Amino acid sequence: MISLCLATPSGISILAGYEYGRQLWETQGTSLNINDNFTIHLSNEIESMSSSFIDGFFMEPIKTIGAENLINILHVIGNDYLDHHIKEILSEYM
């Protein structure tokens, strides 16, 4: 399993914005092999994510492997709510 510790600025508790999600994917997420199980580690400071951020961050993996496959191989650590929330948003693409 491959892991990514998502680096975000200190003091930020909500990740929001499609463009910000795309930017973080392009600078950090492209190192992931999205054809295999992977884990994203979030700072304990991150309490929530907007659907637009999730859309931007995961757009390339959705295009490449599809939302259903992505949901099955993705695990988010740092906040149990966010693991469920992200997969709920991704399921809207199915």
PDB file of N, CA and C in Angstrom:
ATOM      1  N   MET A   1       0.847  -1.177   0.000  1.00  0.00           N
ATOM      2  CA  MET A   1       0.000   0.000   0.000  1.00  0.00           C
ATOM      3  C   MET A   1       0.891   1.239   0.000  1.00  0.00           C
ATOM      4  N   ILE A   2       0.544   2.180  -0.831  1.00  0.00           N
ATOM      5  CA  ILE A   2       1.295   3.427  -0.954  1.00  0.00           C
ATOM      6  C   ILE A   2       0.629   4.488  -0.098  1.00  0.00           C
ATOM      7  N   SER A   3       1.443   5.357   0.511  1.00  0.00           N
ATOM      8  CA  SER A   3       0.913   6.404   1.378  1.00  0.00           C
ATOM      9  C   SER A   3       1.344   7.778   0.904  1.00  0.00           C
ATOM     10  N   LEU A   4       0.479   8.735   1.159  1.00  0.00           N
ATOM     11  CA  LEU A   4       0.761  10.139   0.901  1.00  0.00           C
ATOM     12  C   LEU A   4       0.374  10.921   2.142  1.00  0.00           C
ATOM     13  N   CYS A   5       1.333  11.635   2.714  1.00  0.00           N
ATOM     14  CA  CYS A   5       1.036  12.552   3.819  1.00  0.00           C
ATOM     15  C   CYS A   5       0.752  13.903   3.175  1.00  0.00           C
ATOM     16  N   LEU A   6      -0.511  14.249   3.106  1.00  0.00           N
ATOM     17  CA  LEU A   6      -0.913  15.477   2.432  1.00  0.00           C
ATOM     18  C   LEU A   6      -0.447  16.682   3.249  1.00  0.00           C
ATOM     19  N   ALA A   7       0.459  17.447   2.674  1.00  0.00           N
ATOM     20  CA  ALA A   7       1.011  18.620   3.347  1.00  0.00           C
ATOM     21  C   ALA A   7       0.102  19.818   3.085  1.00  0.00           C
ATOM     22  N   THR A   8      -0.397  20.400   4.159  1.00  0.00           N
ATOM     23  CA  THR A   8      -1.252  21.583   4.065  1.00  0.00           C
ATOM     24  C   THR A   8      -0.697  22.636   5.018  1.00  0.00           C
ATOM     25  N   PRO A   9      -0.980  23.899   4.755  1.00  0.00           N
ATOM     26  CA  PRO A   9      -0.479  24.955   5.640  1.00  0.00           C
ATOM     27  C   PRO A   9      -0.990  24.790   7.071  1.00  0.00           C
ATOM     28  N   SER A  10      -0.142  25.089   8.020  1.00  0.00           N
ATOM     29  CA  SER A  10      -0.516  25.016   9.429  1.00  0.00           C
ATOM     30  C   SER A  10      -1.643  25.999   9.723  1.00  0.00           C
ATOM     31  N   GLY A  11      -2.557  25.584  10.573  1.00  0.00           N
ATOM     32  CA  GLY A  11      -3.640  26.452  10.987  1.00  0.00           C
ATOM     33  C   GLY A  11      -4.883  26.347  10.119  1.00  0.00           C
ATOM     34  N   ILE A  12      -4.823  25.568   9.044  1.00  0.00           N
ATOM     35  CA  ILE A  12      -5.992  25.404   8.175  1.00  0.00           C
ATOM     36  C   ILE A  12      -6.775  24.189   8.654  1.00  0.00           C
ATOM     37  N   SER A  13      -8.087  24.368   8.856  1.00  0.00           N
ATOM     38  CA  SER A  13      -8.906  23.256   9.328  1.00  0.00           C
ATOM     39  C   SER A  13      -9.893  22.766   8.268  1.00  0.00           C
ATOM     40  N   ILE A  14     -10.127  23.575   7.227  1.00  0.00           N
ATOM     41  CA  ILE A  14     -11.059  23.194   6.166  1.00  0.00           C
ATOM     42  C   ILE A  14     -10.348  23.363   4.825  1.00  0.00           C
ATOM     43  N   LEU A  15     -10.370  22.303   4.033  1.00  0.00           N
ATOM     44  CA  LEU A  15      -9.812  22.378   2.683  1.00  0.00           C
ATOM     45  C   LEU A  15     -10.967  22.652   1.729  1.00  0.00           C
ATOM     46  N   ALA A  16     -10.831  23.711   0.940  1.00  0.00           N
ATOM     47  CA  ALA A  16     -11.929  24.124   0.070  1.00  0.00           C
ATOM     48  C   ALA A  16     -11.388  24.641  -1.256  1.00  0.00           C
ATOM     49  N   GLY A  17     -12.209  24.505  -2.284  1.00  0.00           N
ATOM     50  CA  GLY A  17     -11.903  25.069  -3.591  1.00  0.00           C
ATOM     51  C   GLY A  17     -11.388  24.043  -4.583  1.00  0.00           C
ATOM     52  N   TYR A  18     -12.056  23.993  -5.724  1.00  0.00           N
ATOM     53  CA  TYR A  18     -11.678  23.067  -6.796  1.00  0.00           C
ATOM     54  C   TYR A  18     -10.229  23.285  -7.219  1.00  0.00           C
ATOM     55  N   GLU A  19      -9.864  24.531  -7.473  1.00  0.00           N
ATOM     56  CA  GLU A  19      -8.501  24.835  -7.943  1.00  0.00           C
ATOM     57  C   GLU A  19      -7.447  24.464  -6.903  1.00  0.00           C
ATOM     58  N   TYR A  20      -7.740  24.692  -5.639  1.00  0.00           N
ATOM     59  CA  TYR A  20      -6.788  24.311  -4.585  1.00  0.00           C
ATOM     60  C   TYR A  20      -6.628  22.785  -4.550  1.00  0.00           C
ATOM     61  N   GLY A  21      -7.725  22.059  -4.711  1.00  0.00           N
ATOM     62  CA  GLY A  21      -7.650  20.603  -4.774  1.00  0.00           C
ATOM     63  C   GLY A  21      -6.800  20.136  -5.944  1.00  0.00           C
ATOM     64  N   ARG A  22      -7.008  20.738  -7.130  1.00  0.00           N
ATOM     65  CA  ARG A  22      -6.197  20.394  -8.312  1.00  0.00           C
ATOM     66  C   ARG A  22      -4.731  20.685  -8.063  1.00  0.00           C
ATOM     67  N   GLN A  23      -4.459  21.851  -7.439  1.00  0.00           N
ATOM     68  CA  GLN A  23      -3.076  22.237  -7.163  1.00  0.00           C
ATOM     69  C   GLN A  23      -2.401  21.215  -6.246  1.00  0.00           C
ATOM     70  N   LEU A  24      -3.089  20.816  -5.178  1.00  0.00           N
ATOM     71  CA  LEU A  24      -2.496  19.833  -4.269  1.00  0.00           C
ATOM     72  C   LEU A  24      -2.303  18.490  -4.954  1.00  0.00           C
ATOM     73  N   TRP A  25      -3.248  18.087  -5.816  1.00  0.00           N
ATOM     74  CA  TRP A  25      -3.061  16.836  -6.555  1.00  0.00           C
ATOM     75  C   TRP A  25      -1.825  16.925  -7.446  1.00  0.00           C
ATOM     76  N   GLU A  26      -1.701  18.023  -8.173  1.00  0.00           N
ATOM     77  CA  GLU A  26      -0.589  18.174  -9.110  1.00  0.00           C
ATOM     78  C   GLU A  26       0.761  18.259  -8.407  1.00  0.00           C
ATOM     79  N   THR A  27       0.804  18.834  -7.203  1.00  0.00           N
ATOM     80  CA  THR A  27       2.077  18.975  -6.503  1.00  0.00           C
ATOM     81  C   THR A  27       2.400  17.799  -5.581  1.00  0.00           C
ATOM     82  N   GLN A  28       1.370  17.036  -5.162  1.00  0.00           N
ATOM     83  CA  GLN A  28       1.626  15.960  -4.212  1.00  0.00           C
ATOM     84  C   GLN A  28       1.041  14.608  -4.631  1.00  0.00           C
ATOM     85  N   GLY A  29      -0.125  14.609  -5.224  1.00  0.00           N
ATOM     86  CA  GLY A  29      -0.820  13.361  -5.503  1.00  0.00           C
ATOM     87  C   GLY A  29      -0.308  12.585  -6.691  1.00  0.00           C
ATOM     88  N   THR A  30       0.357  13.259  -7.617  1.00  0.00           N
ATOM     89  CA  THR A  30       0.799  12.562  -8.825  1.00  0.00           C
ATOM     90  C   THR A  30       1.860  11.505  -8.536  1.00  0.00           C
ATOM     91  N   SER A  31       2.443  11.515  -7.344  1.00  0.00           N
ATOM     92  CA  SER A  31       3.433  10.497  -6.987  1.00  0.00           C
ATOM     93  C   SER A  31       2.783   9.158  -6.642  1.00  0.00           C
ATOM     94  N   LEU A  32       1.452   9.148  -6.466  1.00  0.00           N
ATOM     95  CA  LEU A  32       0.749   7.918  -6.108  1.00  0.00           C
ATOM     96  C   LEU A  32       0.539   7.029  -7.325  1.00  0.00           C
ATOM     97  N   ASN A  33       0.631   5.725  -7.096  1.00  0.00           N
ATOM     98  CA  ASN A  33       0.227   4.759  -8.109  1.00  0.00           C
ATOM     99  C   ASN A  33      -1.246   4.496  -7.859  1.00  0.00           C
ATOM    100  N   ILE A  34      -2.097   5.131  -8.629  1.00  0.00           N
ATOM    101  CA  ILE A  34      -3.529   5.047  -8.347  1.00  0.00           C
ATOM    102  C   ILE A  34      -4.160   3.752  -8.840  1.00  0.00           C
ATOM    103  N   ASN A  35      -3.346   2.838  -9.321  1.00  0.00           N
ATOM    104  CA  ASN A  35      -3.863   1.529  -9.708  1.00  0.00           C
ATOM    105  C   ASN A  35      -3.718   0.523  -8.577  1.00  0.00           C
ATOM    106  N   ASP A  36      -3.239   0.965  -7.433  1.00  0.00           N
ATOM    107  CA  ASP A  36      -3.027   0.091  -6.285  1.00  0.00           C
ATOM    108  C   ASP A  36      -3.645   0.750  -5.052  1.00  0.00           C
ATOM    109  N   ASN A  37      -3.873  -0.018  -4.008  1.00  0.00           N
ATOM    110  CA  ASN A  37      -4.406   0.556  -2.764  1.00  0.00           C
ATOM    111  C   ASN A  37      -3.493   1.677  -2.287  1.00  0.00           C
ATOM    112  N   PHE A  38      -4.096   2.750  -1.805  1.00  0.00           N
ATOM    113  CA  PHE A  38      -3.283   3.824  -1.256  1.00  0.00           C
ATOM    114  C   PHE A  38      -3.992   4.515  -0.103  1.00  0.00           C
ATOM    115  N   THR A  39      -3.167   5.134   0.727  1.00  0.00           N
ATOM    116  CA  THR A  39      -3.637   5.820   1.923  1.00  0.00           C
ATOM    117  C   THR A  39      -3.226   7.283   1.844  1.00  0.00           C
ATOM    118  N   ILE A  40      -4.144   8.146   2.218  1.00  0.00           N
ATOM    119  CA  ILE A  40      -3.832   9.568   2.345  1.00  0.00           C
ATOM    120  C   ILE A  40      -3.907   9.904   3.831  1.00  0.00           C
ATOM    121  N   HIS A  41      -2.803  10.412   4.364  1.00  0.00           N
ATOM    122  CA  HIS A  41      -2.733  10.829   5.762  1.00  0.00           C
ATOM    123  C   HIS A  41      -2.994  12.327   5.827  1.00  0.00           C
ATOM    124  N   LEU A  42      -3.947  12.706   6.653  1.00  0.00           N
ATOM    125  CA  LEU A  42      -4.276  14.116   6.839  1.00  0.00           C
ATOM    126  C   LEU A  42      -3.809  14.581   8.212  1.00  0.00           C
ATOM    127  N   SER A  43      -3.432  15.833   8.295  1.00  0.00           N
ATOM    128  CA  SER A  43      -3.111  16.442   9.575  1.00  0.00           C
ATOM    129  C   SER A  43      -4.332  16.385  10.481  1.00  0.00           C
ATOM    130  N   ASN A  44      -4.095  16.250  11.776  1.00  0.00           N
ATOM    131  CA  ASN A  44      -5.205  16.268  12.734  1.00  0.00           C
ATOM    132  C   ASN A  44      -5.949  17.599  12.725  1.00  0.00           C
ATOM    133  N   GLU A  45      -5.321  18.636  12.169  1.00  0.00           N
ATOM    134  CA  GLU A  45      -5.969  19.951  12.093  1.00  0.00           C
ATOM    135  C   GLU A  45      -7.107  19.969  11.070  1.00  0.00           C
ATOM    136  N   ILE A  46      -7.046  19.093  10.062  1.00  0.00           N
ATOM    137  CA  ILE A  46      -8.058  19.099   9.000  1.00  0.00           C
ATOM    138  C   ILE A  46      -9.342  18.480   9.533  1.00  0.00           C
ATOM    139  N   GLU A  47     -10.382  19.298   9.610  1.00  0.00           N
ATOM    140  CA  GLU A  47     -11.676  18.853  10.140  1.00  0.00           C
ATOM    141  C   GLU A  47     -12.708  18.601   9.048  1.00  0.00           C
ATOM    142  N   SER A  48     -12.539  19.255   7.888  1.00  0.00           N
ATOM    143  CA  SER A  48     -13.551  19.135   6.851  1.00  0.00           C
ATOM    144  C   SER A  48     -12.942  19.446   5.488  1.00  0.00           C
ATOM    145  N   MET A  49     -13.663  19.015   4.439  1.00  0.00           N
ATOM    146  CA  MET A  49     -13.292  19.316   3.052  1.00  0.00           C
ATOM    147  C   MET A  49     -14.567  19.646   2.303  1.00  0.00           C
ATOM    148  N   SER A  50     -14.484  20.644   1.452  1.00  0.00           N
ATOM    149  CA  SER A  50     -15.642  20.959   0.612  1.00  0.00           C
ATOM    150  C   SER A  50     -15.712  19.957  -0.534  1.00  0.00           C
ATOM    151  N   SER A  51     -16.898  19.790  -1.073  1.00  0.00           N
ATOM    152  CA  SER A  51     -17.047  18.881  -2.209  1.00  0.00           C
ATOM    153  C   SER A  51     -16.236  19.393  -3.404  1.00  0.00           C
ATOM    154  N   SER A  52     -16.101  20.708  -3.544  1.00  0.00           N
ATOM    155  CA  SER A  52     -15.321  21.246  -4.660  1.00  0.00           C
ATOM    156  C   SER A  52     -13.842  20.883  -4.515  1.00  0.00           C
ATOM    157  N   PHE A  53     -13.310  20.887  -3.302  1.00  0.00           N
ATOM    158  CA  PHE A  53     -11.924  20.475  -3.085  1.00  0.00           C
ATOM    159  C   PHE A  53     -11.754  19.003  -3.455  1.00  0.00           C
ATOM    160  N   ILE A  54     -12.678  18.164  -2.987  1.00  0.00           N
ATOM    161  CA  ILE A  54     -12.618  16.723  -3.271  1.00  0.00           C
ATOM    162  C   ILE A  54     -12.690  16.496  -4.781  1.00  0.00           C
ATOM    163  N   ASP A  55     -13.592  17.212  -5.456  1.00  0.00           N
ATOM    164  CA  ASP A  55     -13.706  17.099  -6.909  1.00  0.00           C
ATOM    165  C   ASP A  55     -12.383  17.451  -7.594  1.00  0.00           C
ATOM    166  N   GLY A  56     -11.777  18.542  -7.177  1.00  0.00           N
ATOM    167  CA  GLY A  56     -10.514  18.969  -7.785  1.00  0.00           C
ATOM    168  C   GLY A  56      -9.369  18.018  -7.494  1.00  0.00           C
ATOM    169  N   PHE A  57      -9.270  17.573  -6.250  1.00  0.00           N
ATOM    170  CA  PHE A  57      -8.153  16.706  -5.863  1.00  0.00           C
ATOM    171  C   PHE A  57      -8.240  15.343  -6.548  1.00  0.00           C
ATOM    172  N   PHE A  58      -9.432  14.785  -6.651  1.00  0.00           N
ATOM    173  CA  PHE A  58      -9.575  13.426  -7.166  1.00  0.00           C
ATOM    174  C   PHE A  58     -10.004  13.347  -8.631  1.00  0.00           C
ATOM    175  N   MET A  59     -10.050  14.470  -9.345  1.00  0.00           N
ATOM    176  CA  MET A  59     -10.525  14.449 -10.726  1.00  0.00           C
ATOM    177  C   MET A  59      -9.678  13.546 -11.617  1.00  0.00           C
ATOM    178  N   GLU A  60      -8.375  13.636 -11.546  1.00  0.00           N
ATOM    179  CA  GLU A  60      -7.517  12.802 -12.398  1.00  0.00           C
ATOM    180  C   GLU A  60      -7.674  11.317 -12.082  1.00  0.00           C
ATOM    181  N   PRO A  61      -7.649  10.905 -10.804  1.00  0.00           N
ATOM    182  CA  PRO A  61      -7.883   9.481 -10.524  1.00  0.00           C
ATOM    183  C   PRO A  61      -9.256   9.005 -11.007  1.00  0.00           C
ATOM    184  N   ILE A  62     -10.282   9.844 -10.879  1.00  0.00           N
ATOM    185  CA  ILE A  62     -11.612   9.458 -11.351  1.00  0.00           C
ATOM    186  C   ILE A  62     -11.578   9.226 -12.862  1.00  0.00           C
ATOM    187  N   LYS A  63     -10.904  10.111 -13.586  1.00  0.00           N
ATOM    188  CA  LYS A  63     -10.797   9.961 -15.042  1.00  0.00           C
ATOM    189  C   LYS A  63     -10.017   8.704 -15.412  1.00  0.00           C
ATOM    190  N   THR A  64      -9.015   8.373 -14.611  1.00  0.00           N
ATOM    191  CA  THR A  64      -8.118   7.264 -14.931  1.00  0.00           C
ATOM    192  C   THR A  64      -8.702   5.899 -14.572  1.00  0.00           C
ATOM    193  N   ILE A  65      -9.226   5.770 -13.343  1.00  0.00           N
ATOM    194  CA  ILE A  65      -9.678   4.444 -12.896  1.00  0.00           C
ATOM    195  C   ILE A  65     -11.164   4.386 -12.553  1.00  0.00           C
ATOM    196  N   GLY A  66     -11.833   5.525 -12.541  1.00  0.00           N
ATOM    197  CA  GLY A  66     -13.259   5.561 -12.217  1.00  0.00           C
ATOM    198  C   GLY A  66     -13.501   5.703 -10.732  1.00  0.00           C
ATOM    199  N   ALA A  67     -14.646   6.267 -10.404  1.00  0.00           N
ATOM    200  CA  ALA A  67     -14.976   6.550  -9.002  1.00  0.00           C
ATOM    201  C   ALA A  67     -15.117   5.292  -8.167  1.00  0.00           C
ATOM    202  N   GLU A  68     -15.759   4.263  -8.713  1.00  0.00           N
ATOM    203  CA  GLU A  68     -15.969   3.043  -7.931  1.00  0.00           C
ATOM    204  C   GLU A  68     -14.645   2.385  -7.559  1.00  0.00           C
ATOM    205  N   ASN A  69     -13.729   2.276  -8.516  1.00  0.00           N
ATOM    206  CA  ASN A  69     -12.406   1.706  -8.216  1.00  0.00           C
ATOM    207  C   ASN A  69     -11.660   2.565  -7.210  1.00  0.00           C
ATOM    208  N   LEU A  70     -11.746   3.873  -7.364  1.00  0.00           N
ATOM    209  CA  LEU A  70     -11.075   4.778  -6.441  1.00  0.00           C
ATOM    210  C   LEU A  70     -11.588   4.599  -5.019  1.00  0.00           C
ATOM    211  N   ILE A  71     -12.887   4.518  -4.861  1.00  0.00           N
ATOM    212  CA  ILE A  71     -13.476   4.319  -3.535  1.00  0.00           C
ATOM    213  C   ILE A  71     -12.968   3.024  -2.908  1.00  0.00           C
ATOM    214  N   ASN A  72     -12.817   1.979  -3.719  1.00  0.00           N
ATOM    215  CA  ASN A  72     -12.396   0.678  -3.204  1.00  0.00           C
ATOM    216  C   ASN A  72     -10.937   0.621  -2.784  1.00  0.00           C
ATOM    217  N   ILE A  73     -10.083   1.468  -3.359  1.00  0.00           N
ATOM    218  CA  ILE A  73      -8.652   1.382  -3.032  1.00  0.00           C
ATOM    219  C   ILE A  73      -8.163   2.513  -2.129  1.00  0.00           C
ATOM    220  N   LEU A  74      -9.003   3.501  -1.873  1.00  0.00           N
ATOM    221  CA  LEU A  74      -8.623   4.683  -1.085  1.00  0.00           C
ATOM    222  C   LEU A  74      -8.922   4.493   0.390  1.00  0.00           C
ATOM    223  N   HIS A  75      -7.975   4.903   1.221  1.00  0.00           N
ATOM    224  CA  HIS A  75      -8.181   4.938   2.666  1.00  0.00           C
ATOM    225  C   HIS A  75      -7.625   6.263   3.176  1.00  0.00           C
ATOM    226  N   VAL A  76      -8.411   6.965   3.976  1.00  0.00           N
ATOM    227  CA  VAL A  76      -7.993   8.262   4.520  1.00  0.00           C
ATOM    228  C   VAL A  76      -7.774   8.106   6.018  1.00  0.00           C
ATOM    229  N   ILE A  77      -6.609   8.546   6.479  1.00  0.00           N
ATOM    230  CA  ILE A  77      -6.268   8.477   7.896  1.00  0.00           C
ATOM    231  C   ILE A  77      -6.147   9.894   8.443  1.00  0.00           C
ATOM    232  N   GLY A  78      -6.657  10.083   9.638  1.00  0.00           N
ATOM    233  CA  GLY A  78      -6.555  11.386  10.292  1.00  0.00           C
ATOM    234  C   GLY A  78      -7.888  11.850  10.813  1.00  0.00           C
ATOM    235  N   ASN A  79      -8.948  11.362  10.167  1.00  0.00           N
ATOM    236  CA  ASN A  79     -10.280  11.775  10.564  1.00  0.00           C
ATOM    237  C   ASN A  79     -11.266  10.784   9.949  1.00  0.00           C
ATOM    238  N   ASP A  80     -11.912   9.972  10.772  1.00  0.00           N
ATOM    239  CA  ASP A  80     -12.838   8.956  10.264  1.00  0.00           C
ATOM    240  C   ASP A  80     -13.993   9.578   9.481  1.00  0.00           C
ATOM    241  N   TYR A  81     -14.445  10.730   9.930  1.00  0.00           N
ATOM    242  CA  TYR A  81     -15.518  11.413   9.222  1.00  0.00           C
ATOM    243  C   TYR A  81     -15.107  11.716   7.780  1.00  0.00           C
ATOM    244  N   LEU A  82     -13.867  12.191   7.596  1.00  0.00           N
ATOM    245  CA  LEU A  82     -13.429  12.569   6.254  1.00  0.00           C
ATOM    246  C   LEU A  82     -13.300  11.369   5.329  1.00  0.00           C
ATOM    247  N   ASP A  83     -12.896  10.218   5.842  1.00  0.00           N
ATOM    248  CA  ASP A  83     -12.829   9.024   5.009  1.00  0.00           C
ATOM    249  C   ASP A  83     -14.219   8.741   4.437  1.00  0.00           C
ATOM    250  N   HIS A  84     -15.224   8.787   5.285  1.00  0.00           N
ATOM    251  CA  HIS A  84     -16.608   8.556   4.849  1.00  0.00           C
ATOM    252  C   HIS A  84     -17.090   9.685   3.927  1.00  0.00           C
ATOM    253  N   HIS A  85     -16.827  10.927   4.295  1.00  0.00           N
ATOM    254  CA  HIS A  85     -17.277  12.092   3.527  1.00  0.00           C
ATOM    255  C   HIS A  85     -16.695  12.080   2.113  1.00  0.00           C
ATOM    256  N   ILE A  86     -15.409  11.820   2.002  1.00  0.00           N
ATOM    257  CA  ILE A  86     -14.760  11.798   0.688  1.00  0.00           C
ATOM    258  C   ILE A  86     -15.389  10.721  -0.195  1.00  0.00           C
ATOM    259  N   LYS A  87     -15.557   9.532   0.366  1.00  0.00           N
ATOM    260  CA  LYS A  87     -16.136   8.427  -0.423  1.00  0.00           C
ATOM    261  C   LYS A  87     -17.593   8.700  -0.780  1.00  0.00           C
ATOM    262  N   GLU A  88     -18.305   9.400   0.071  1.00  0.00           N
ATOM    263  CA  GLU A  88     -19.682   9.772  -0.234  1.00  0.00           C
ATOM    264  C   GLU A  88     -19.726  10.725  -1.442  1.00  0.00           C
ATOM    265  N   ILE A  89     -18.830  11.710  -1.447  1.00  0.00           N
ATOM    266  CA  ILE A  89     -18.763  12.661  -2.569  1.00  0.00           C
ATOM    267  C   ILE A  89     -18.336  11.931  -3.846  1.00  0.00           C
ATOM    268  N   LEU A  90     -17.346  11.051  -3.739  1.00  0.00           N
ATOM    269  CA  LEU A  90     -16.881  10.315  -4.912  1.00  0.00           C
ATOM    270  C   LEU A  90     -17.968   9.415  -5.476  1.00  0.00           C
ATOM    271  N   SER A  91     -18.823   8.889  -4.611  1.00  0.00           N
ATOM    272  CA  SER A  91     -19.887   7.981  -5.079  1.00  0.00           C
ATOM    273  C   SER A  91     -20.878   8.703  -5.989  1.00  0.00           C
ATOM    274  N   GLU A  92     -20.920  10.017  -5.934  1.00  0.00           N
ATOM    275  CA  GLU A  92     -21.813  10.771  -6.810  1.00  0.00           C
ATOM    276  C   GLU A  92     -21.389  10.677  -8.273  1.00  0.00           C
ATOM    277  N   TYR A  93     -20.146  10.245  -8.520  1.00  0.00           N
ATOM    278  CA  TYR A  93     -19.652  10.075  -9.890  1.00  0.00           C
ATOM    279  C   TYR A  93     -20.005   8.718 -10.470  1.00  0.00           C
ATOM    280  N   MET A  94     -20.581   7.840  -9.654  1.00  0.00           N
ATOM    281  CA  MET A  94     -20.898   6.482 -10.129  1.00  0.00           C
ATOM    282  C   MET A  94     -22.235   6.456 -10.833  1.00  0.00           C
TER     283      MET A  94
END
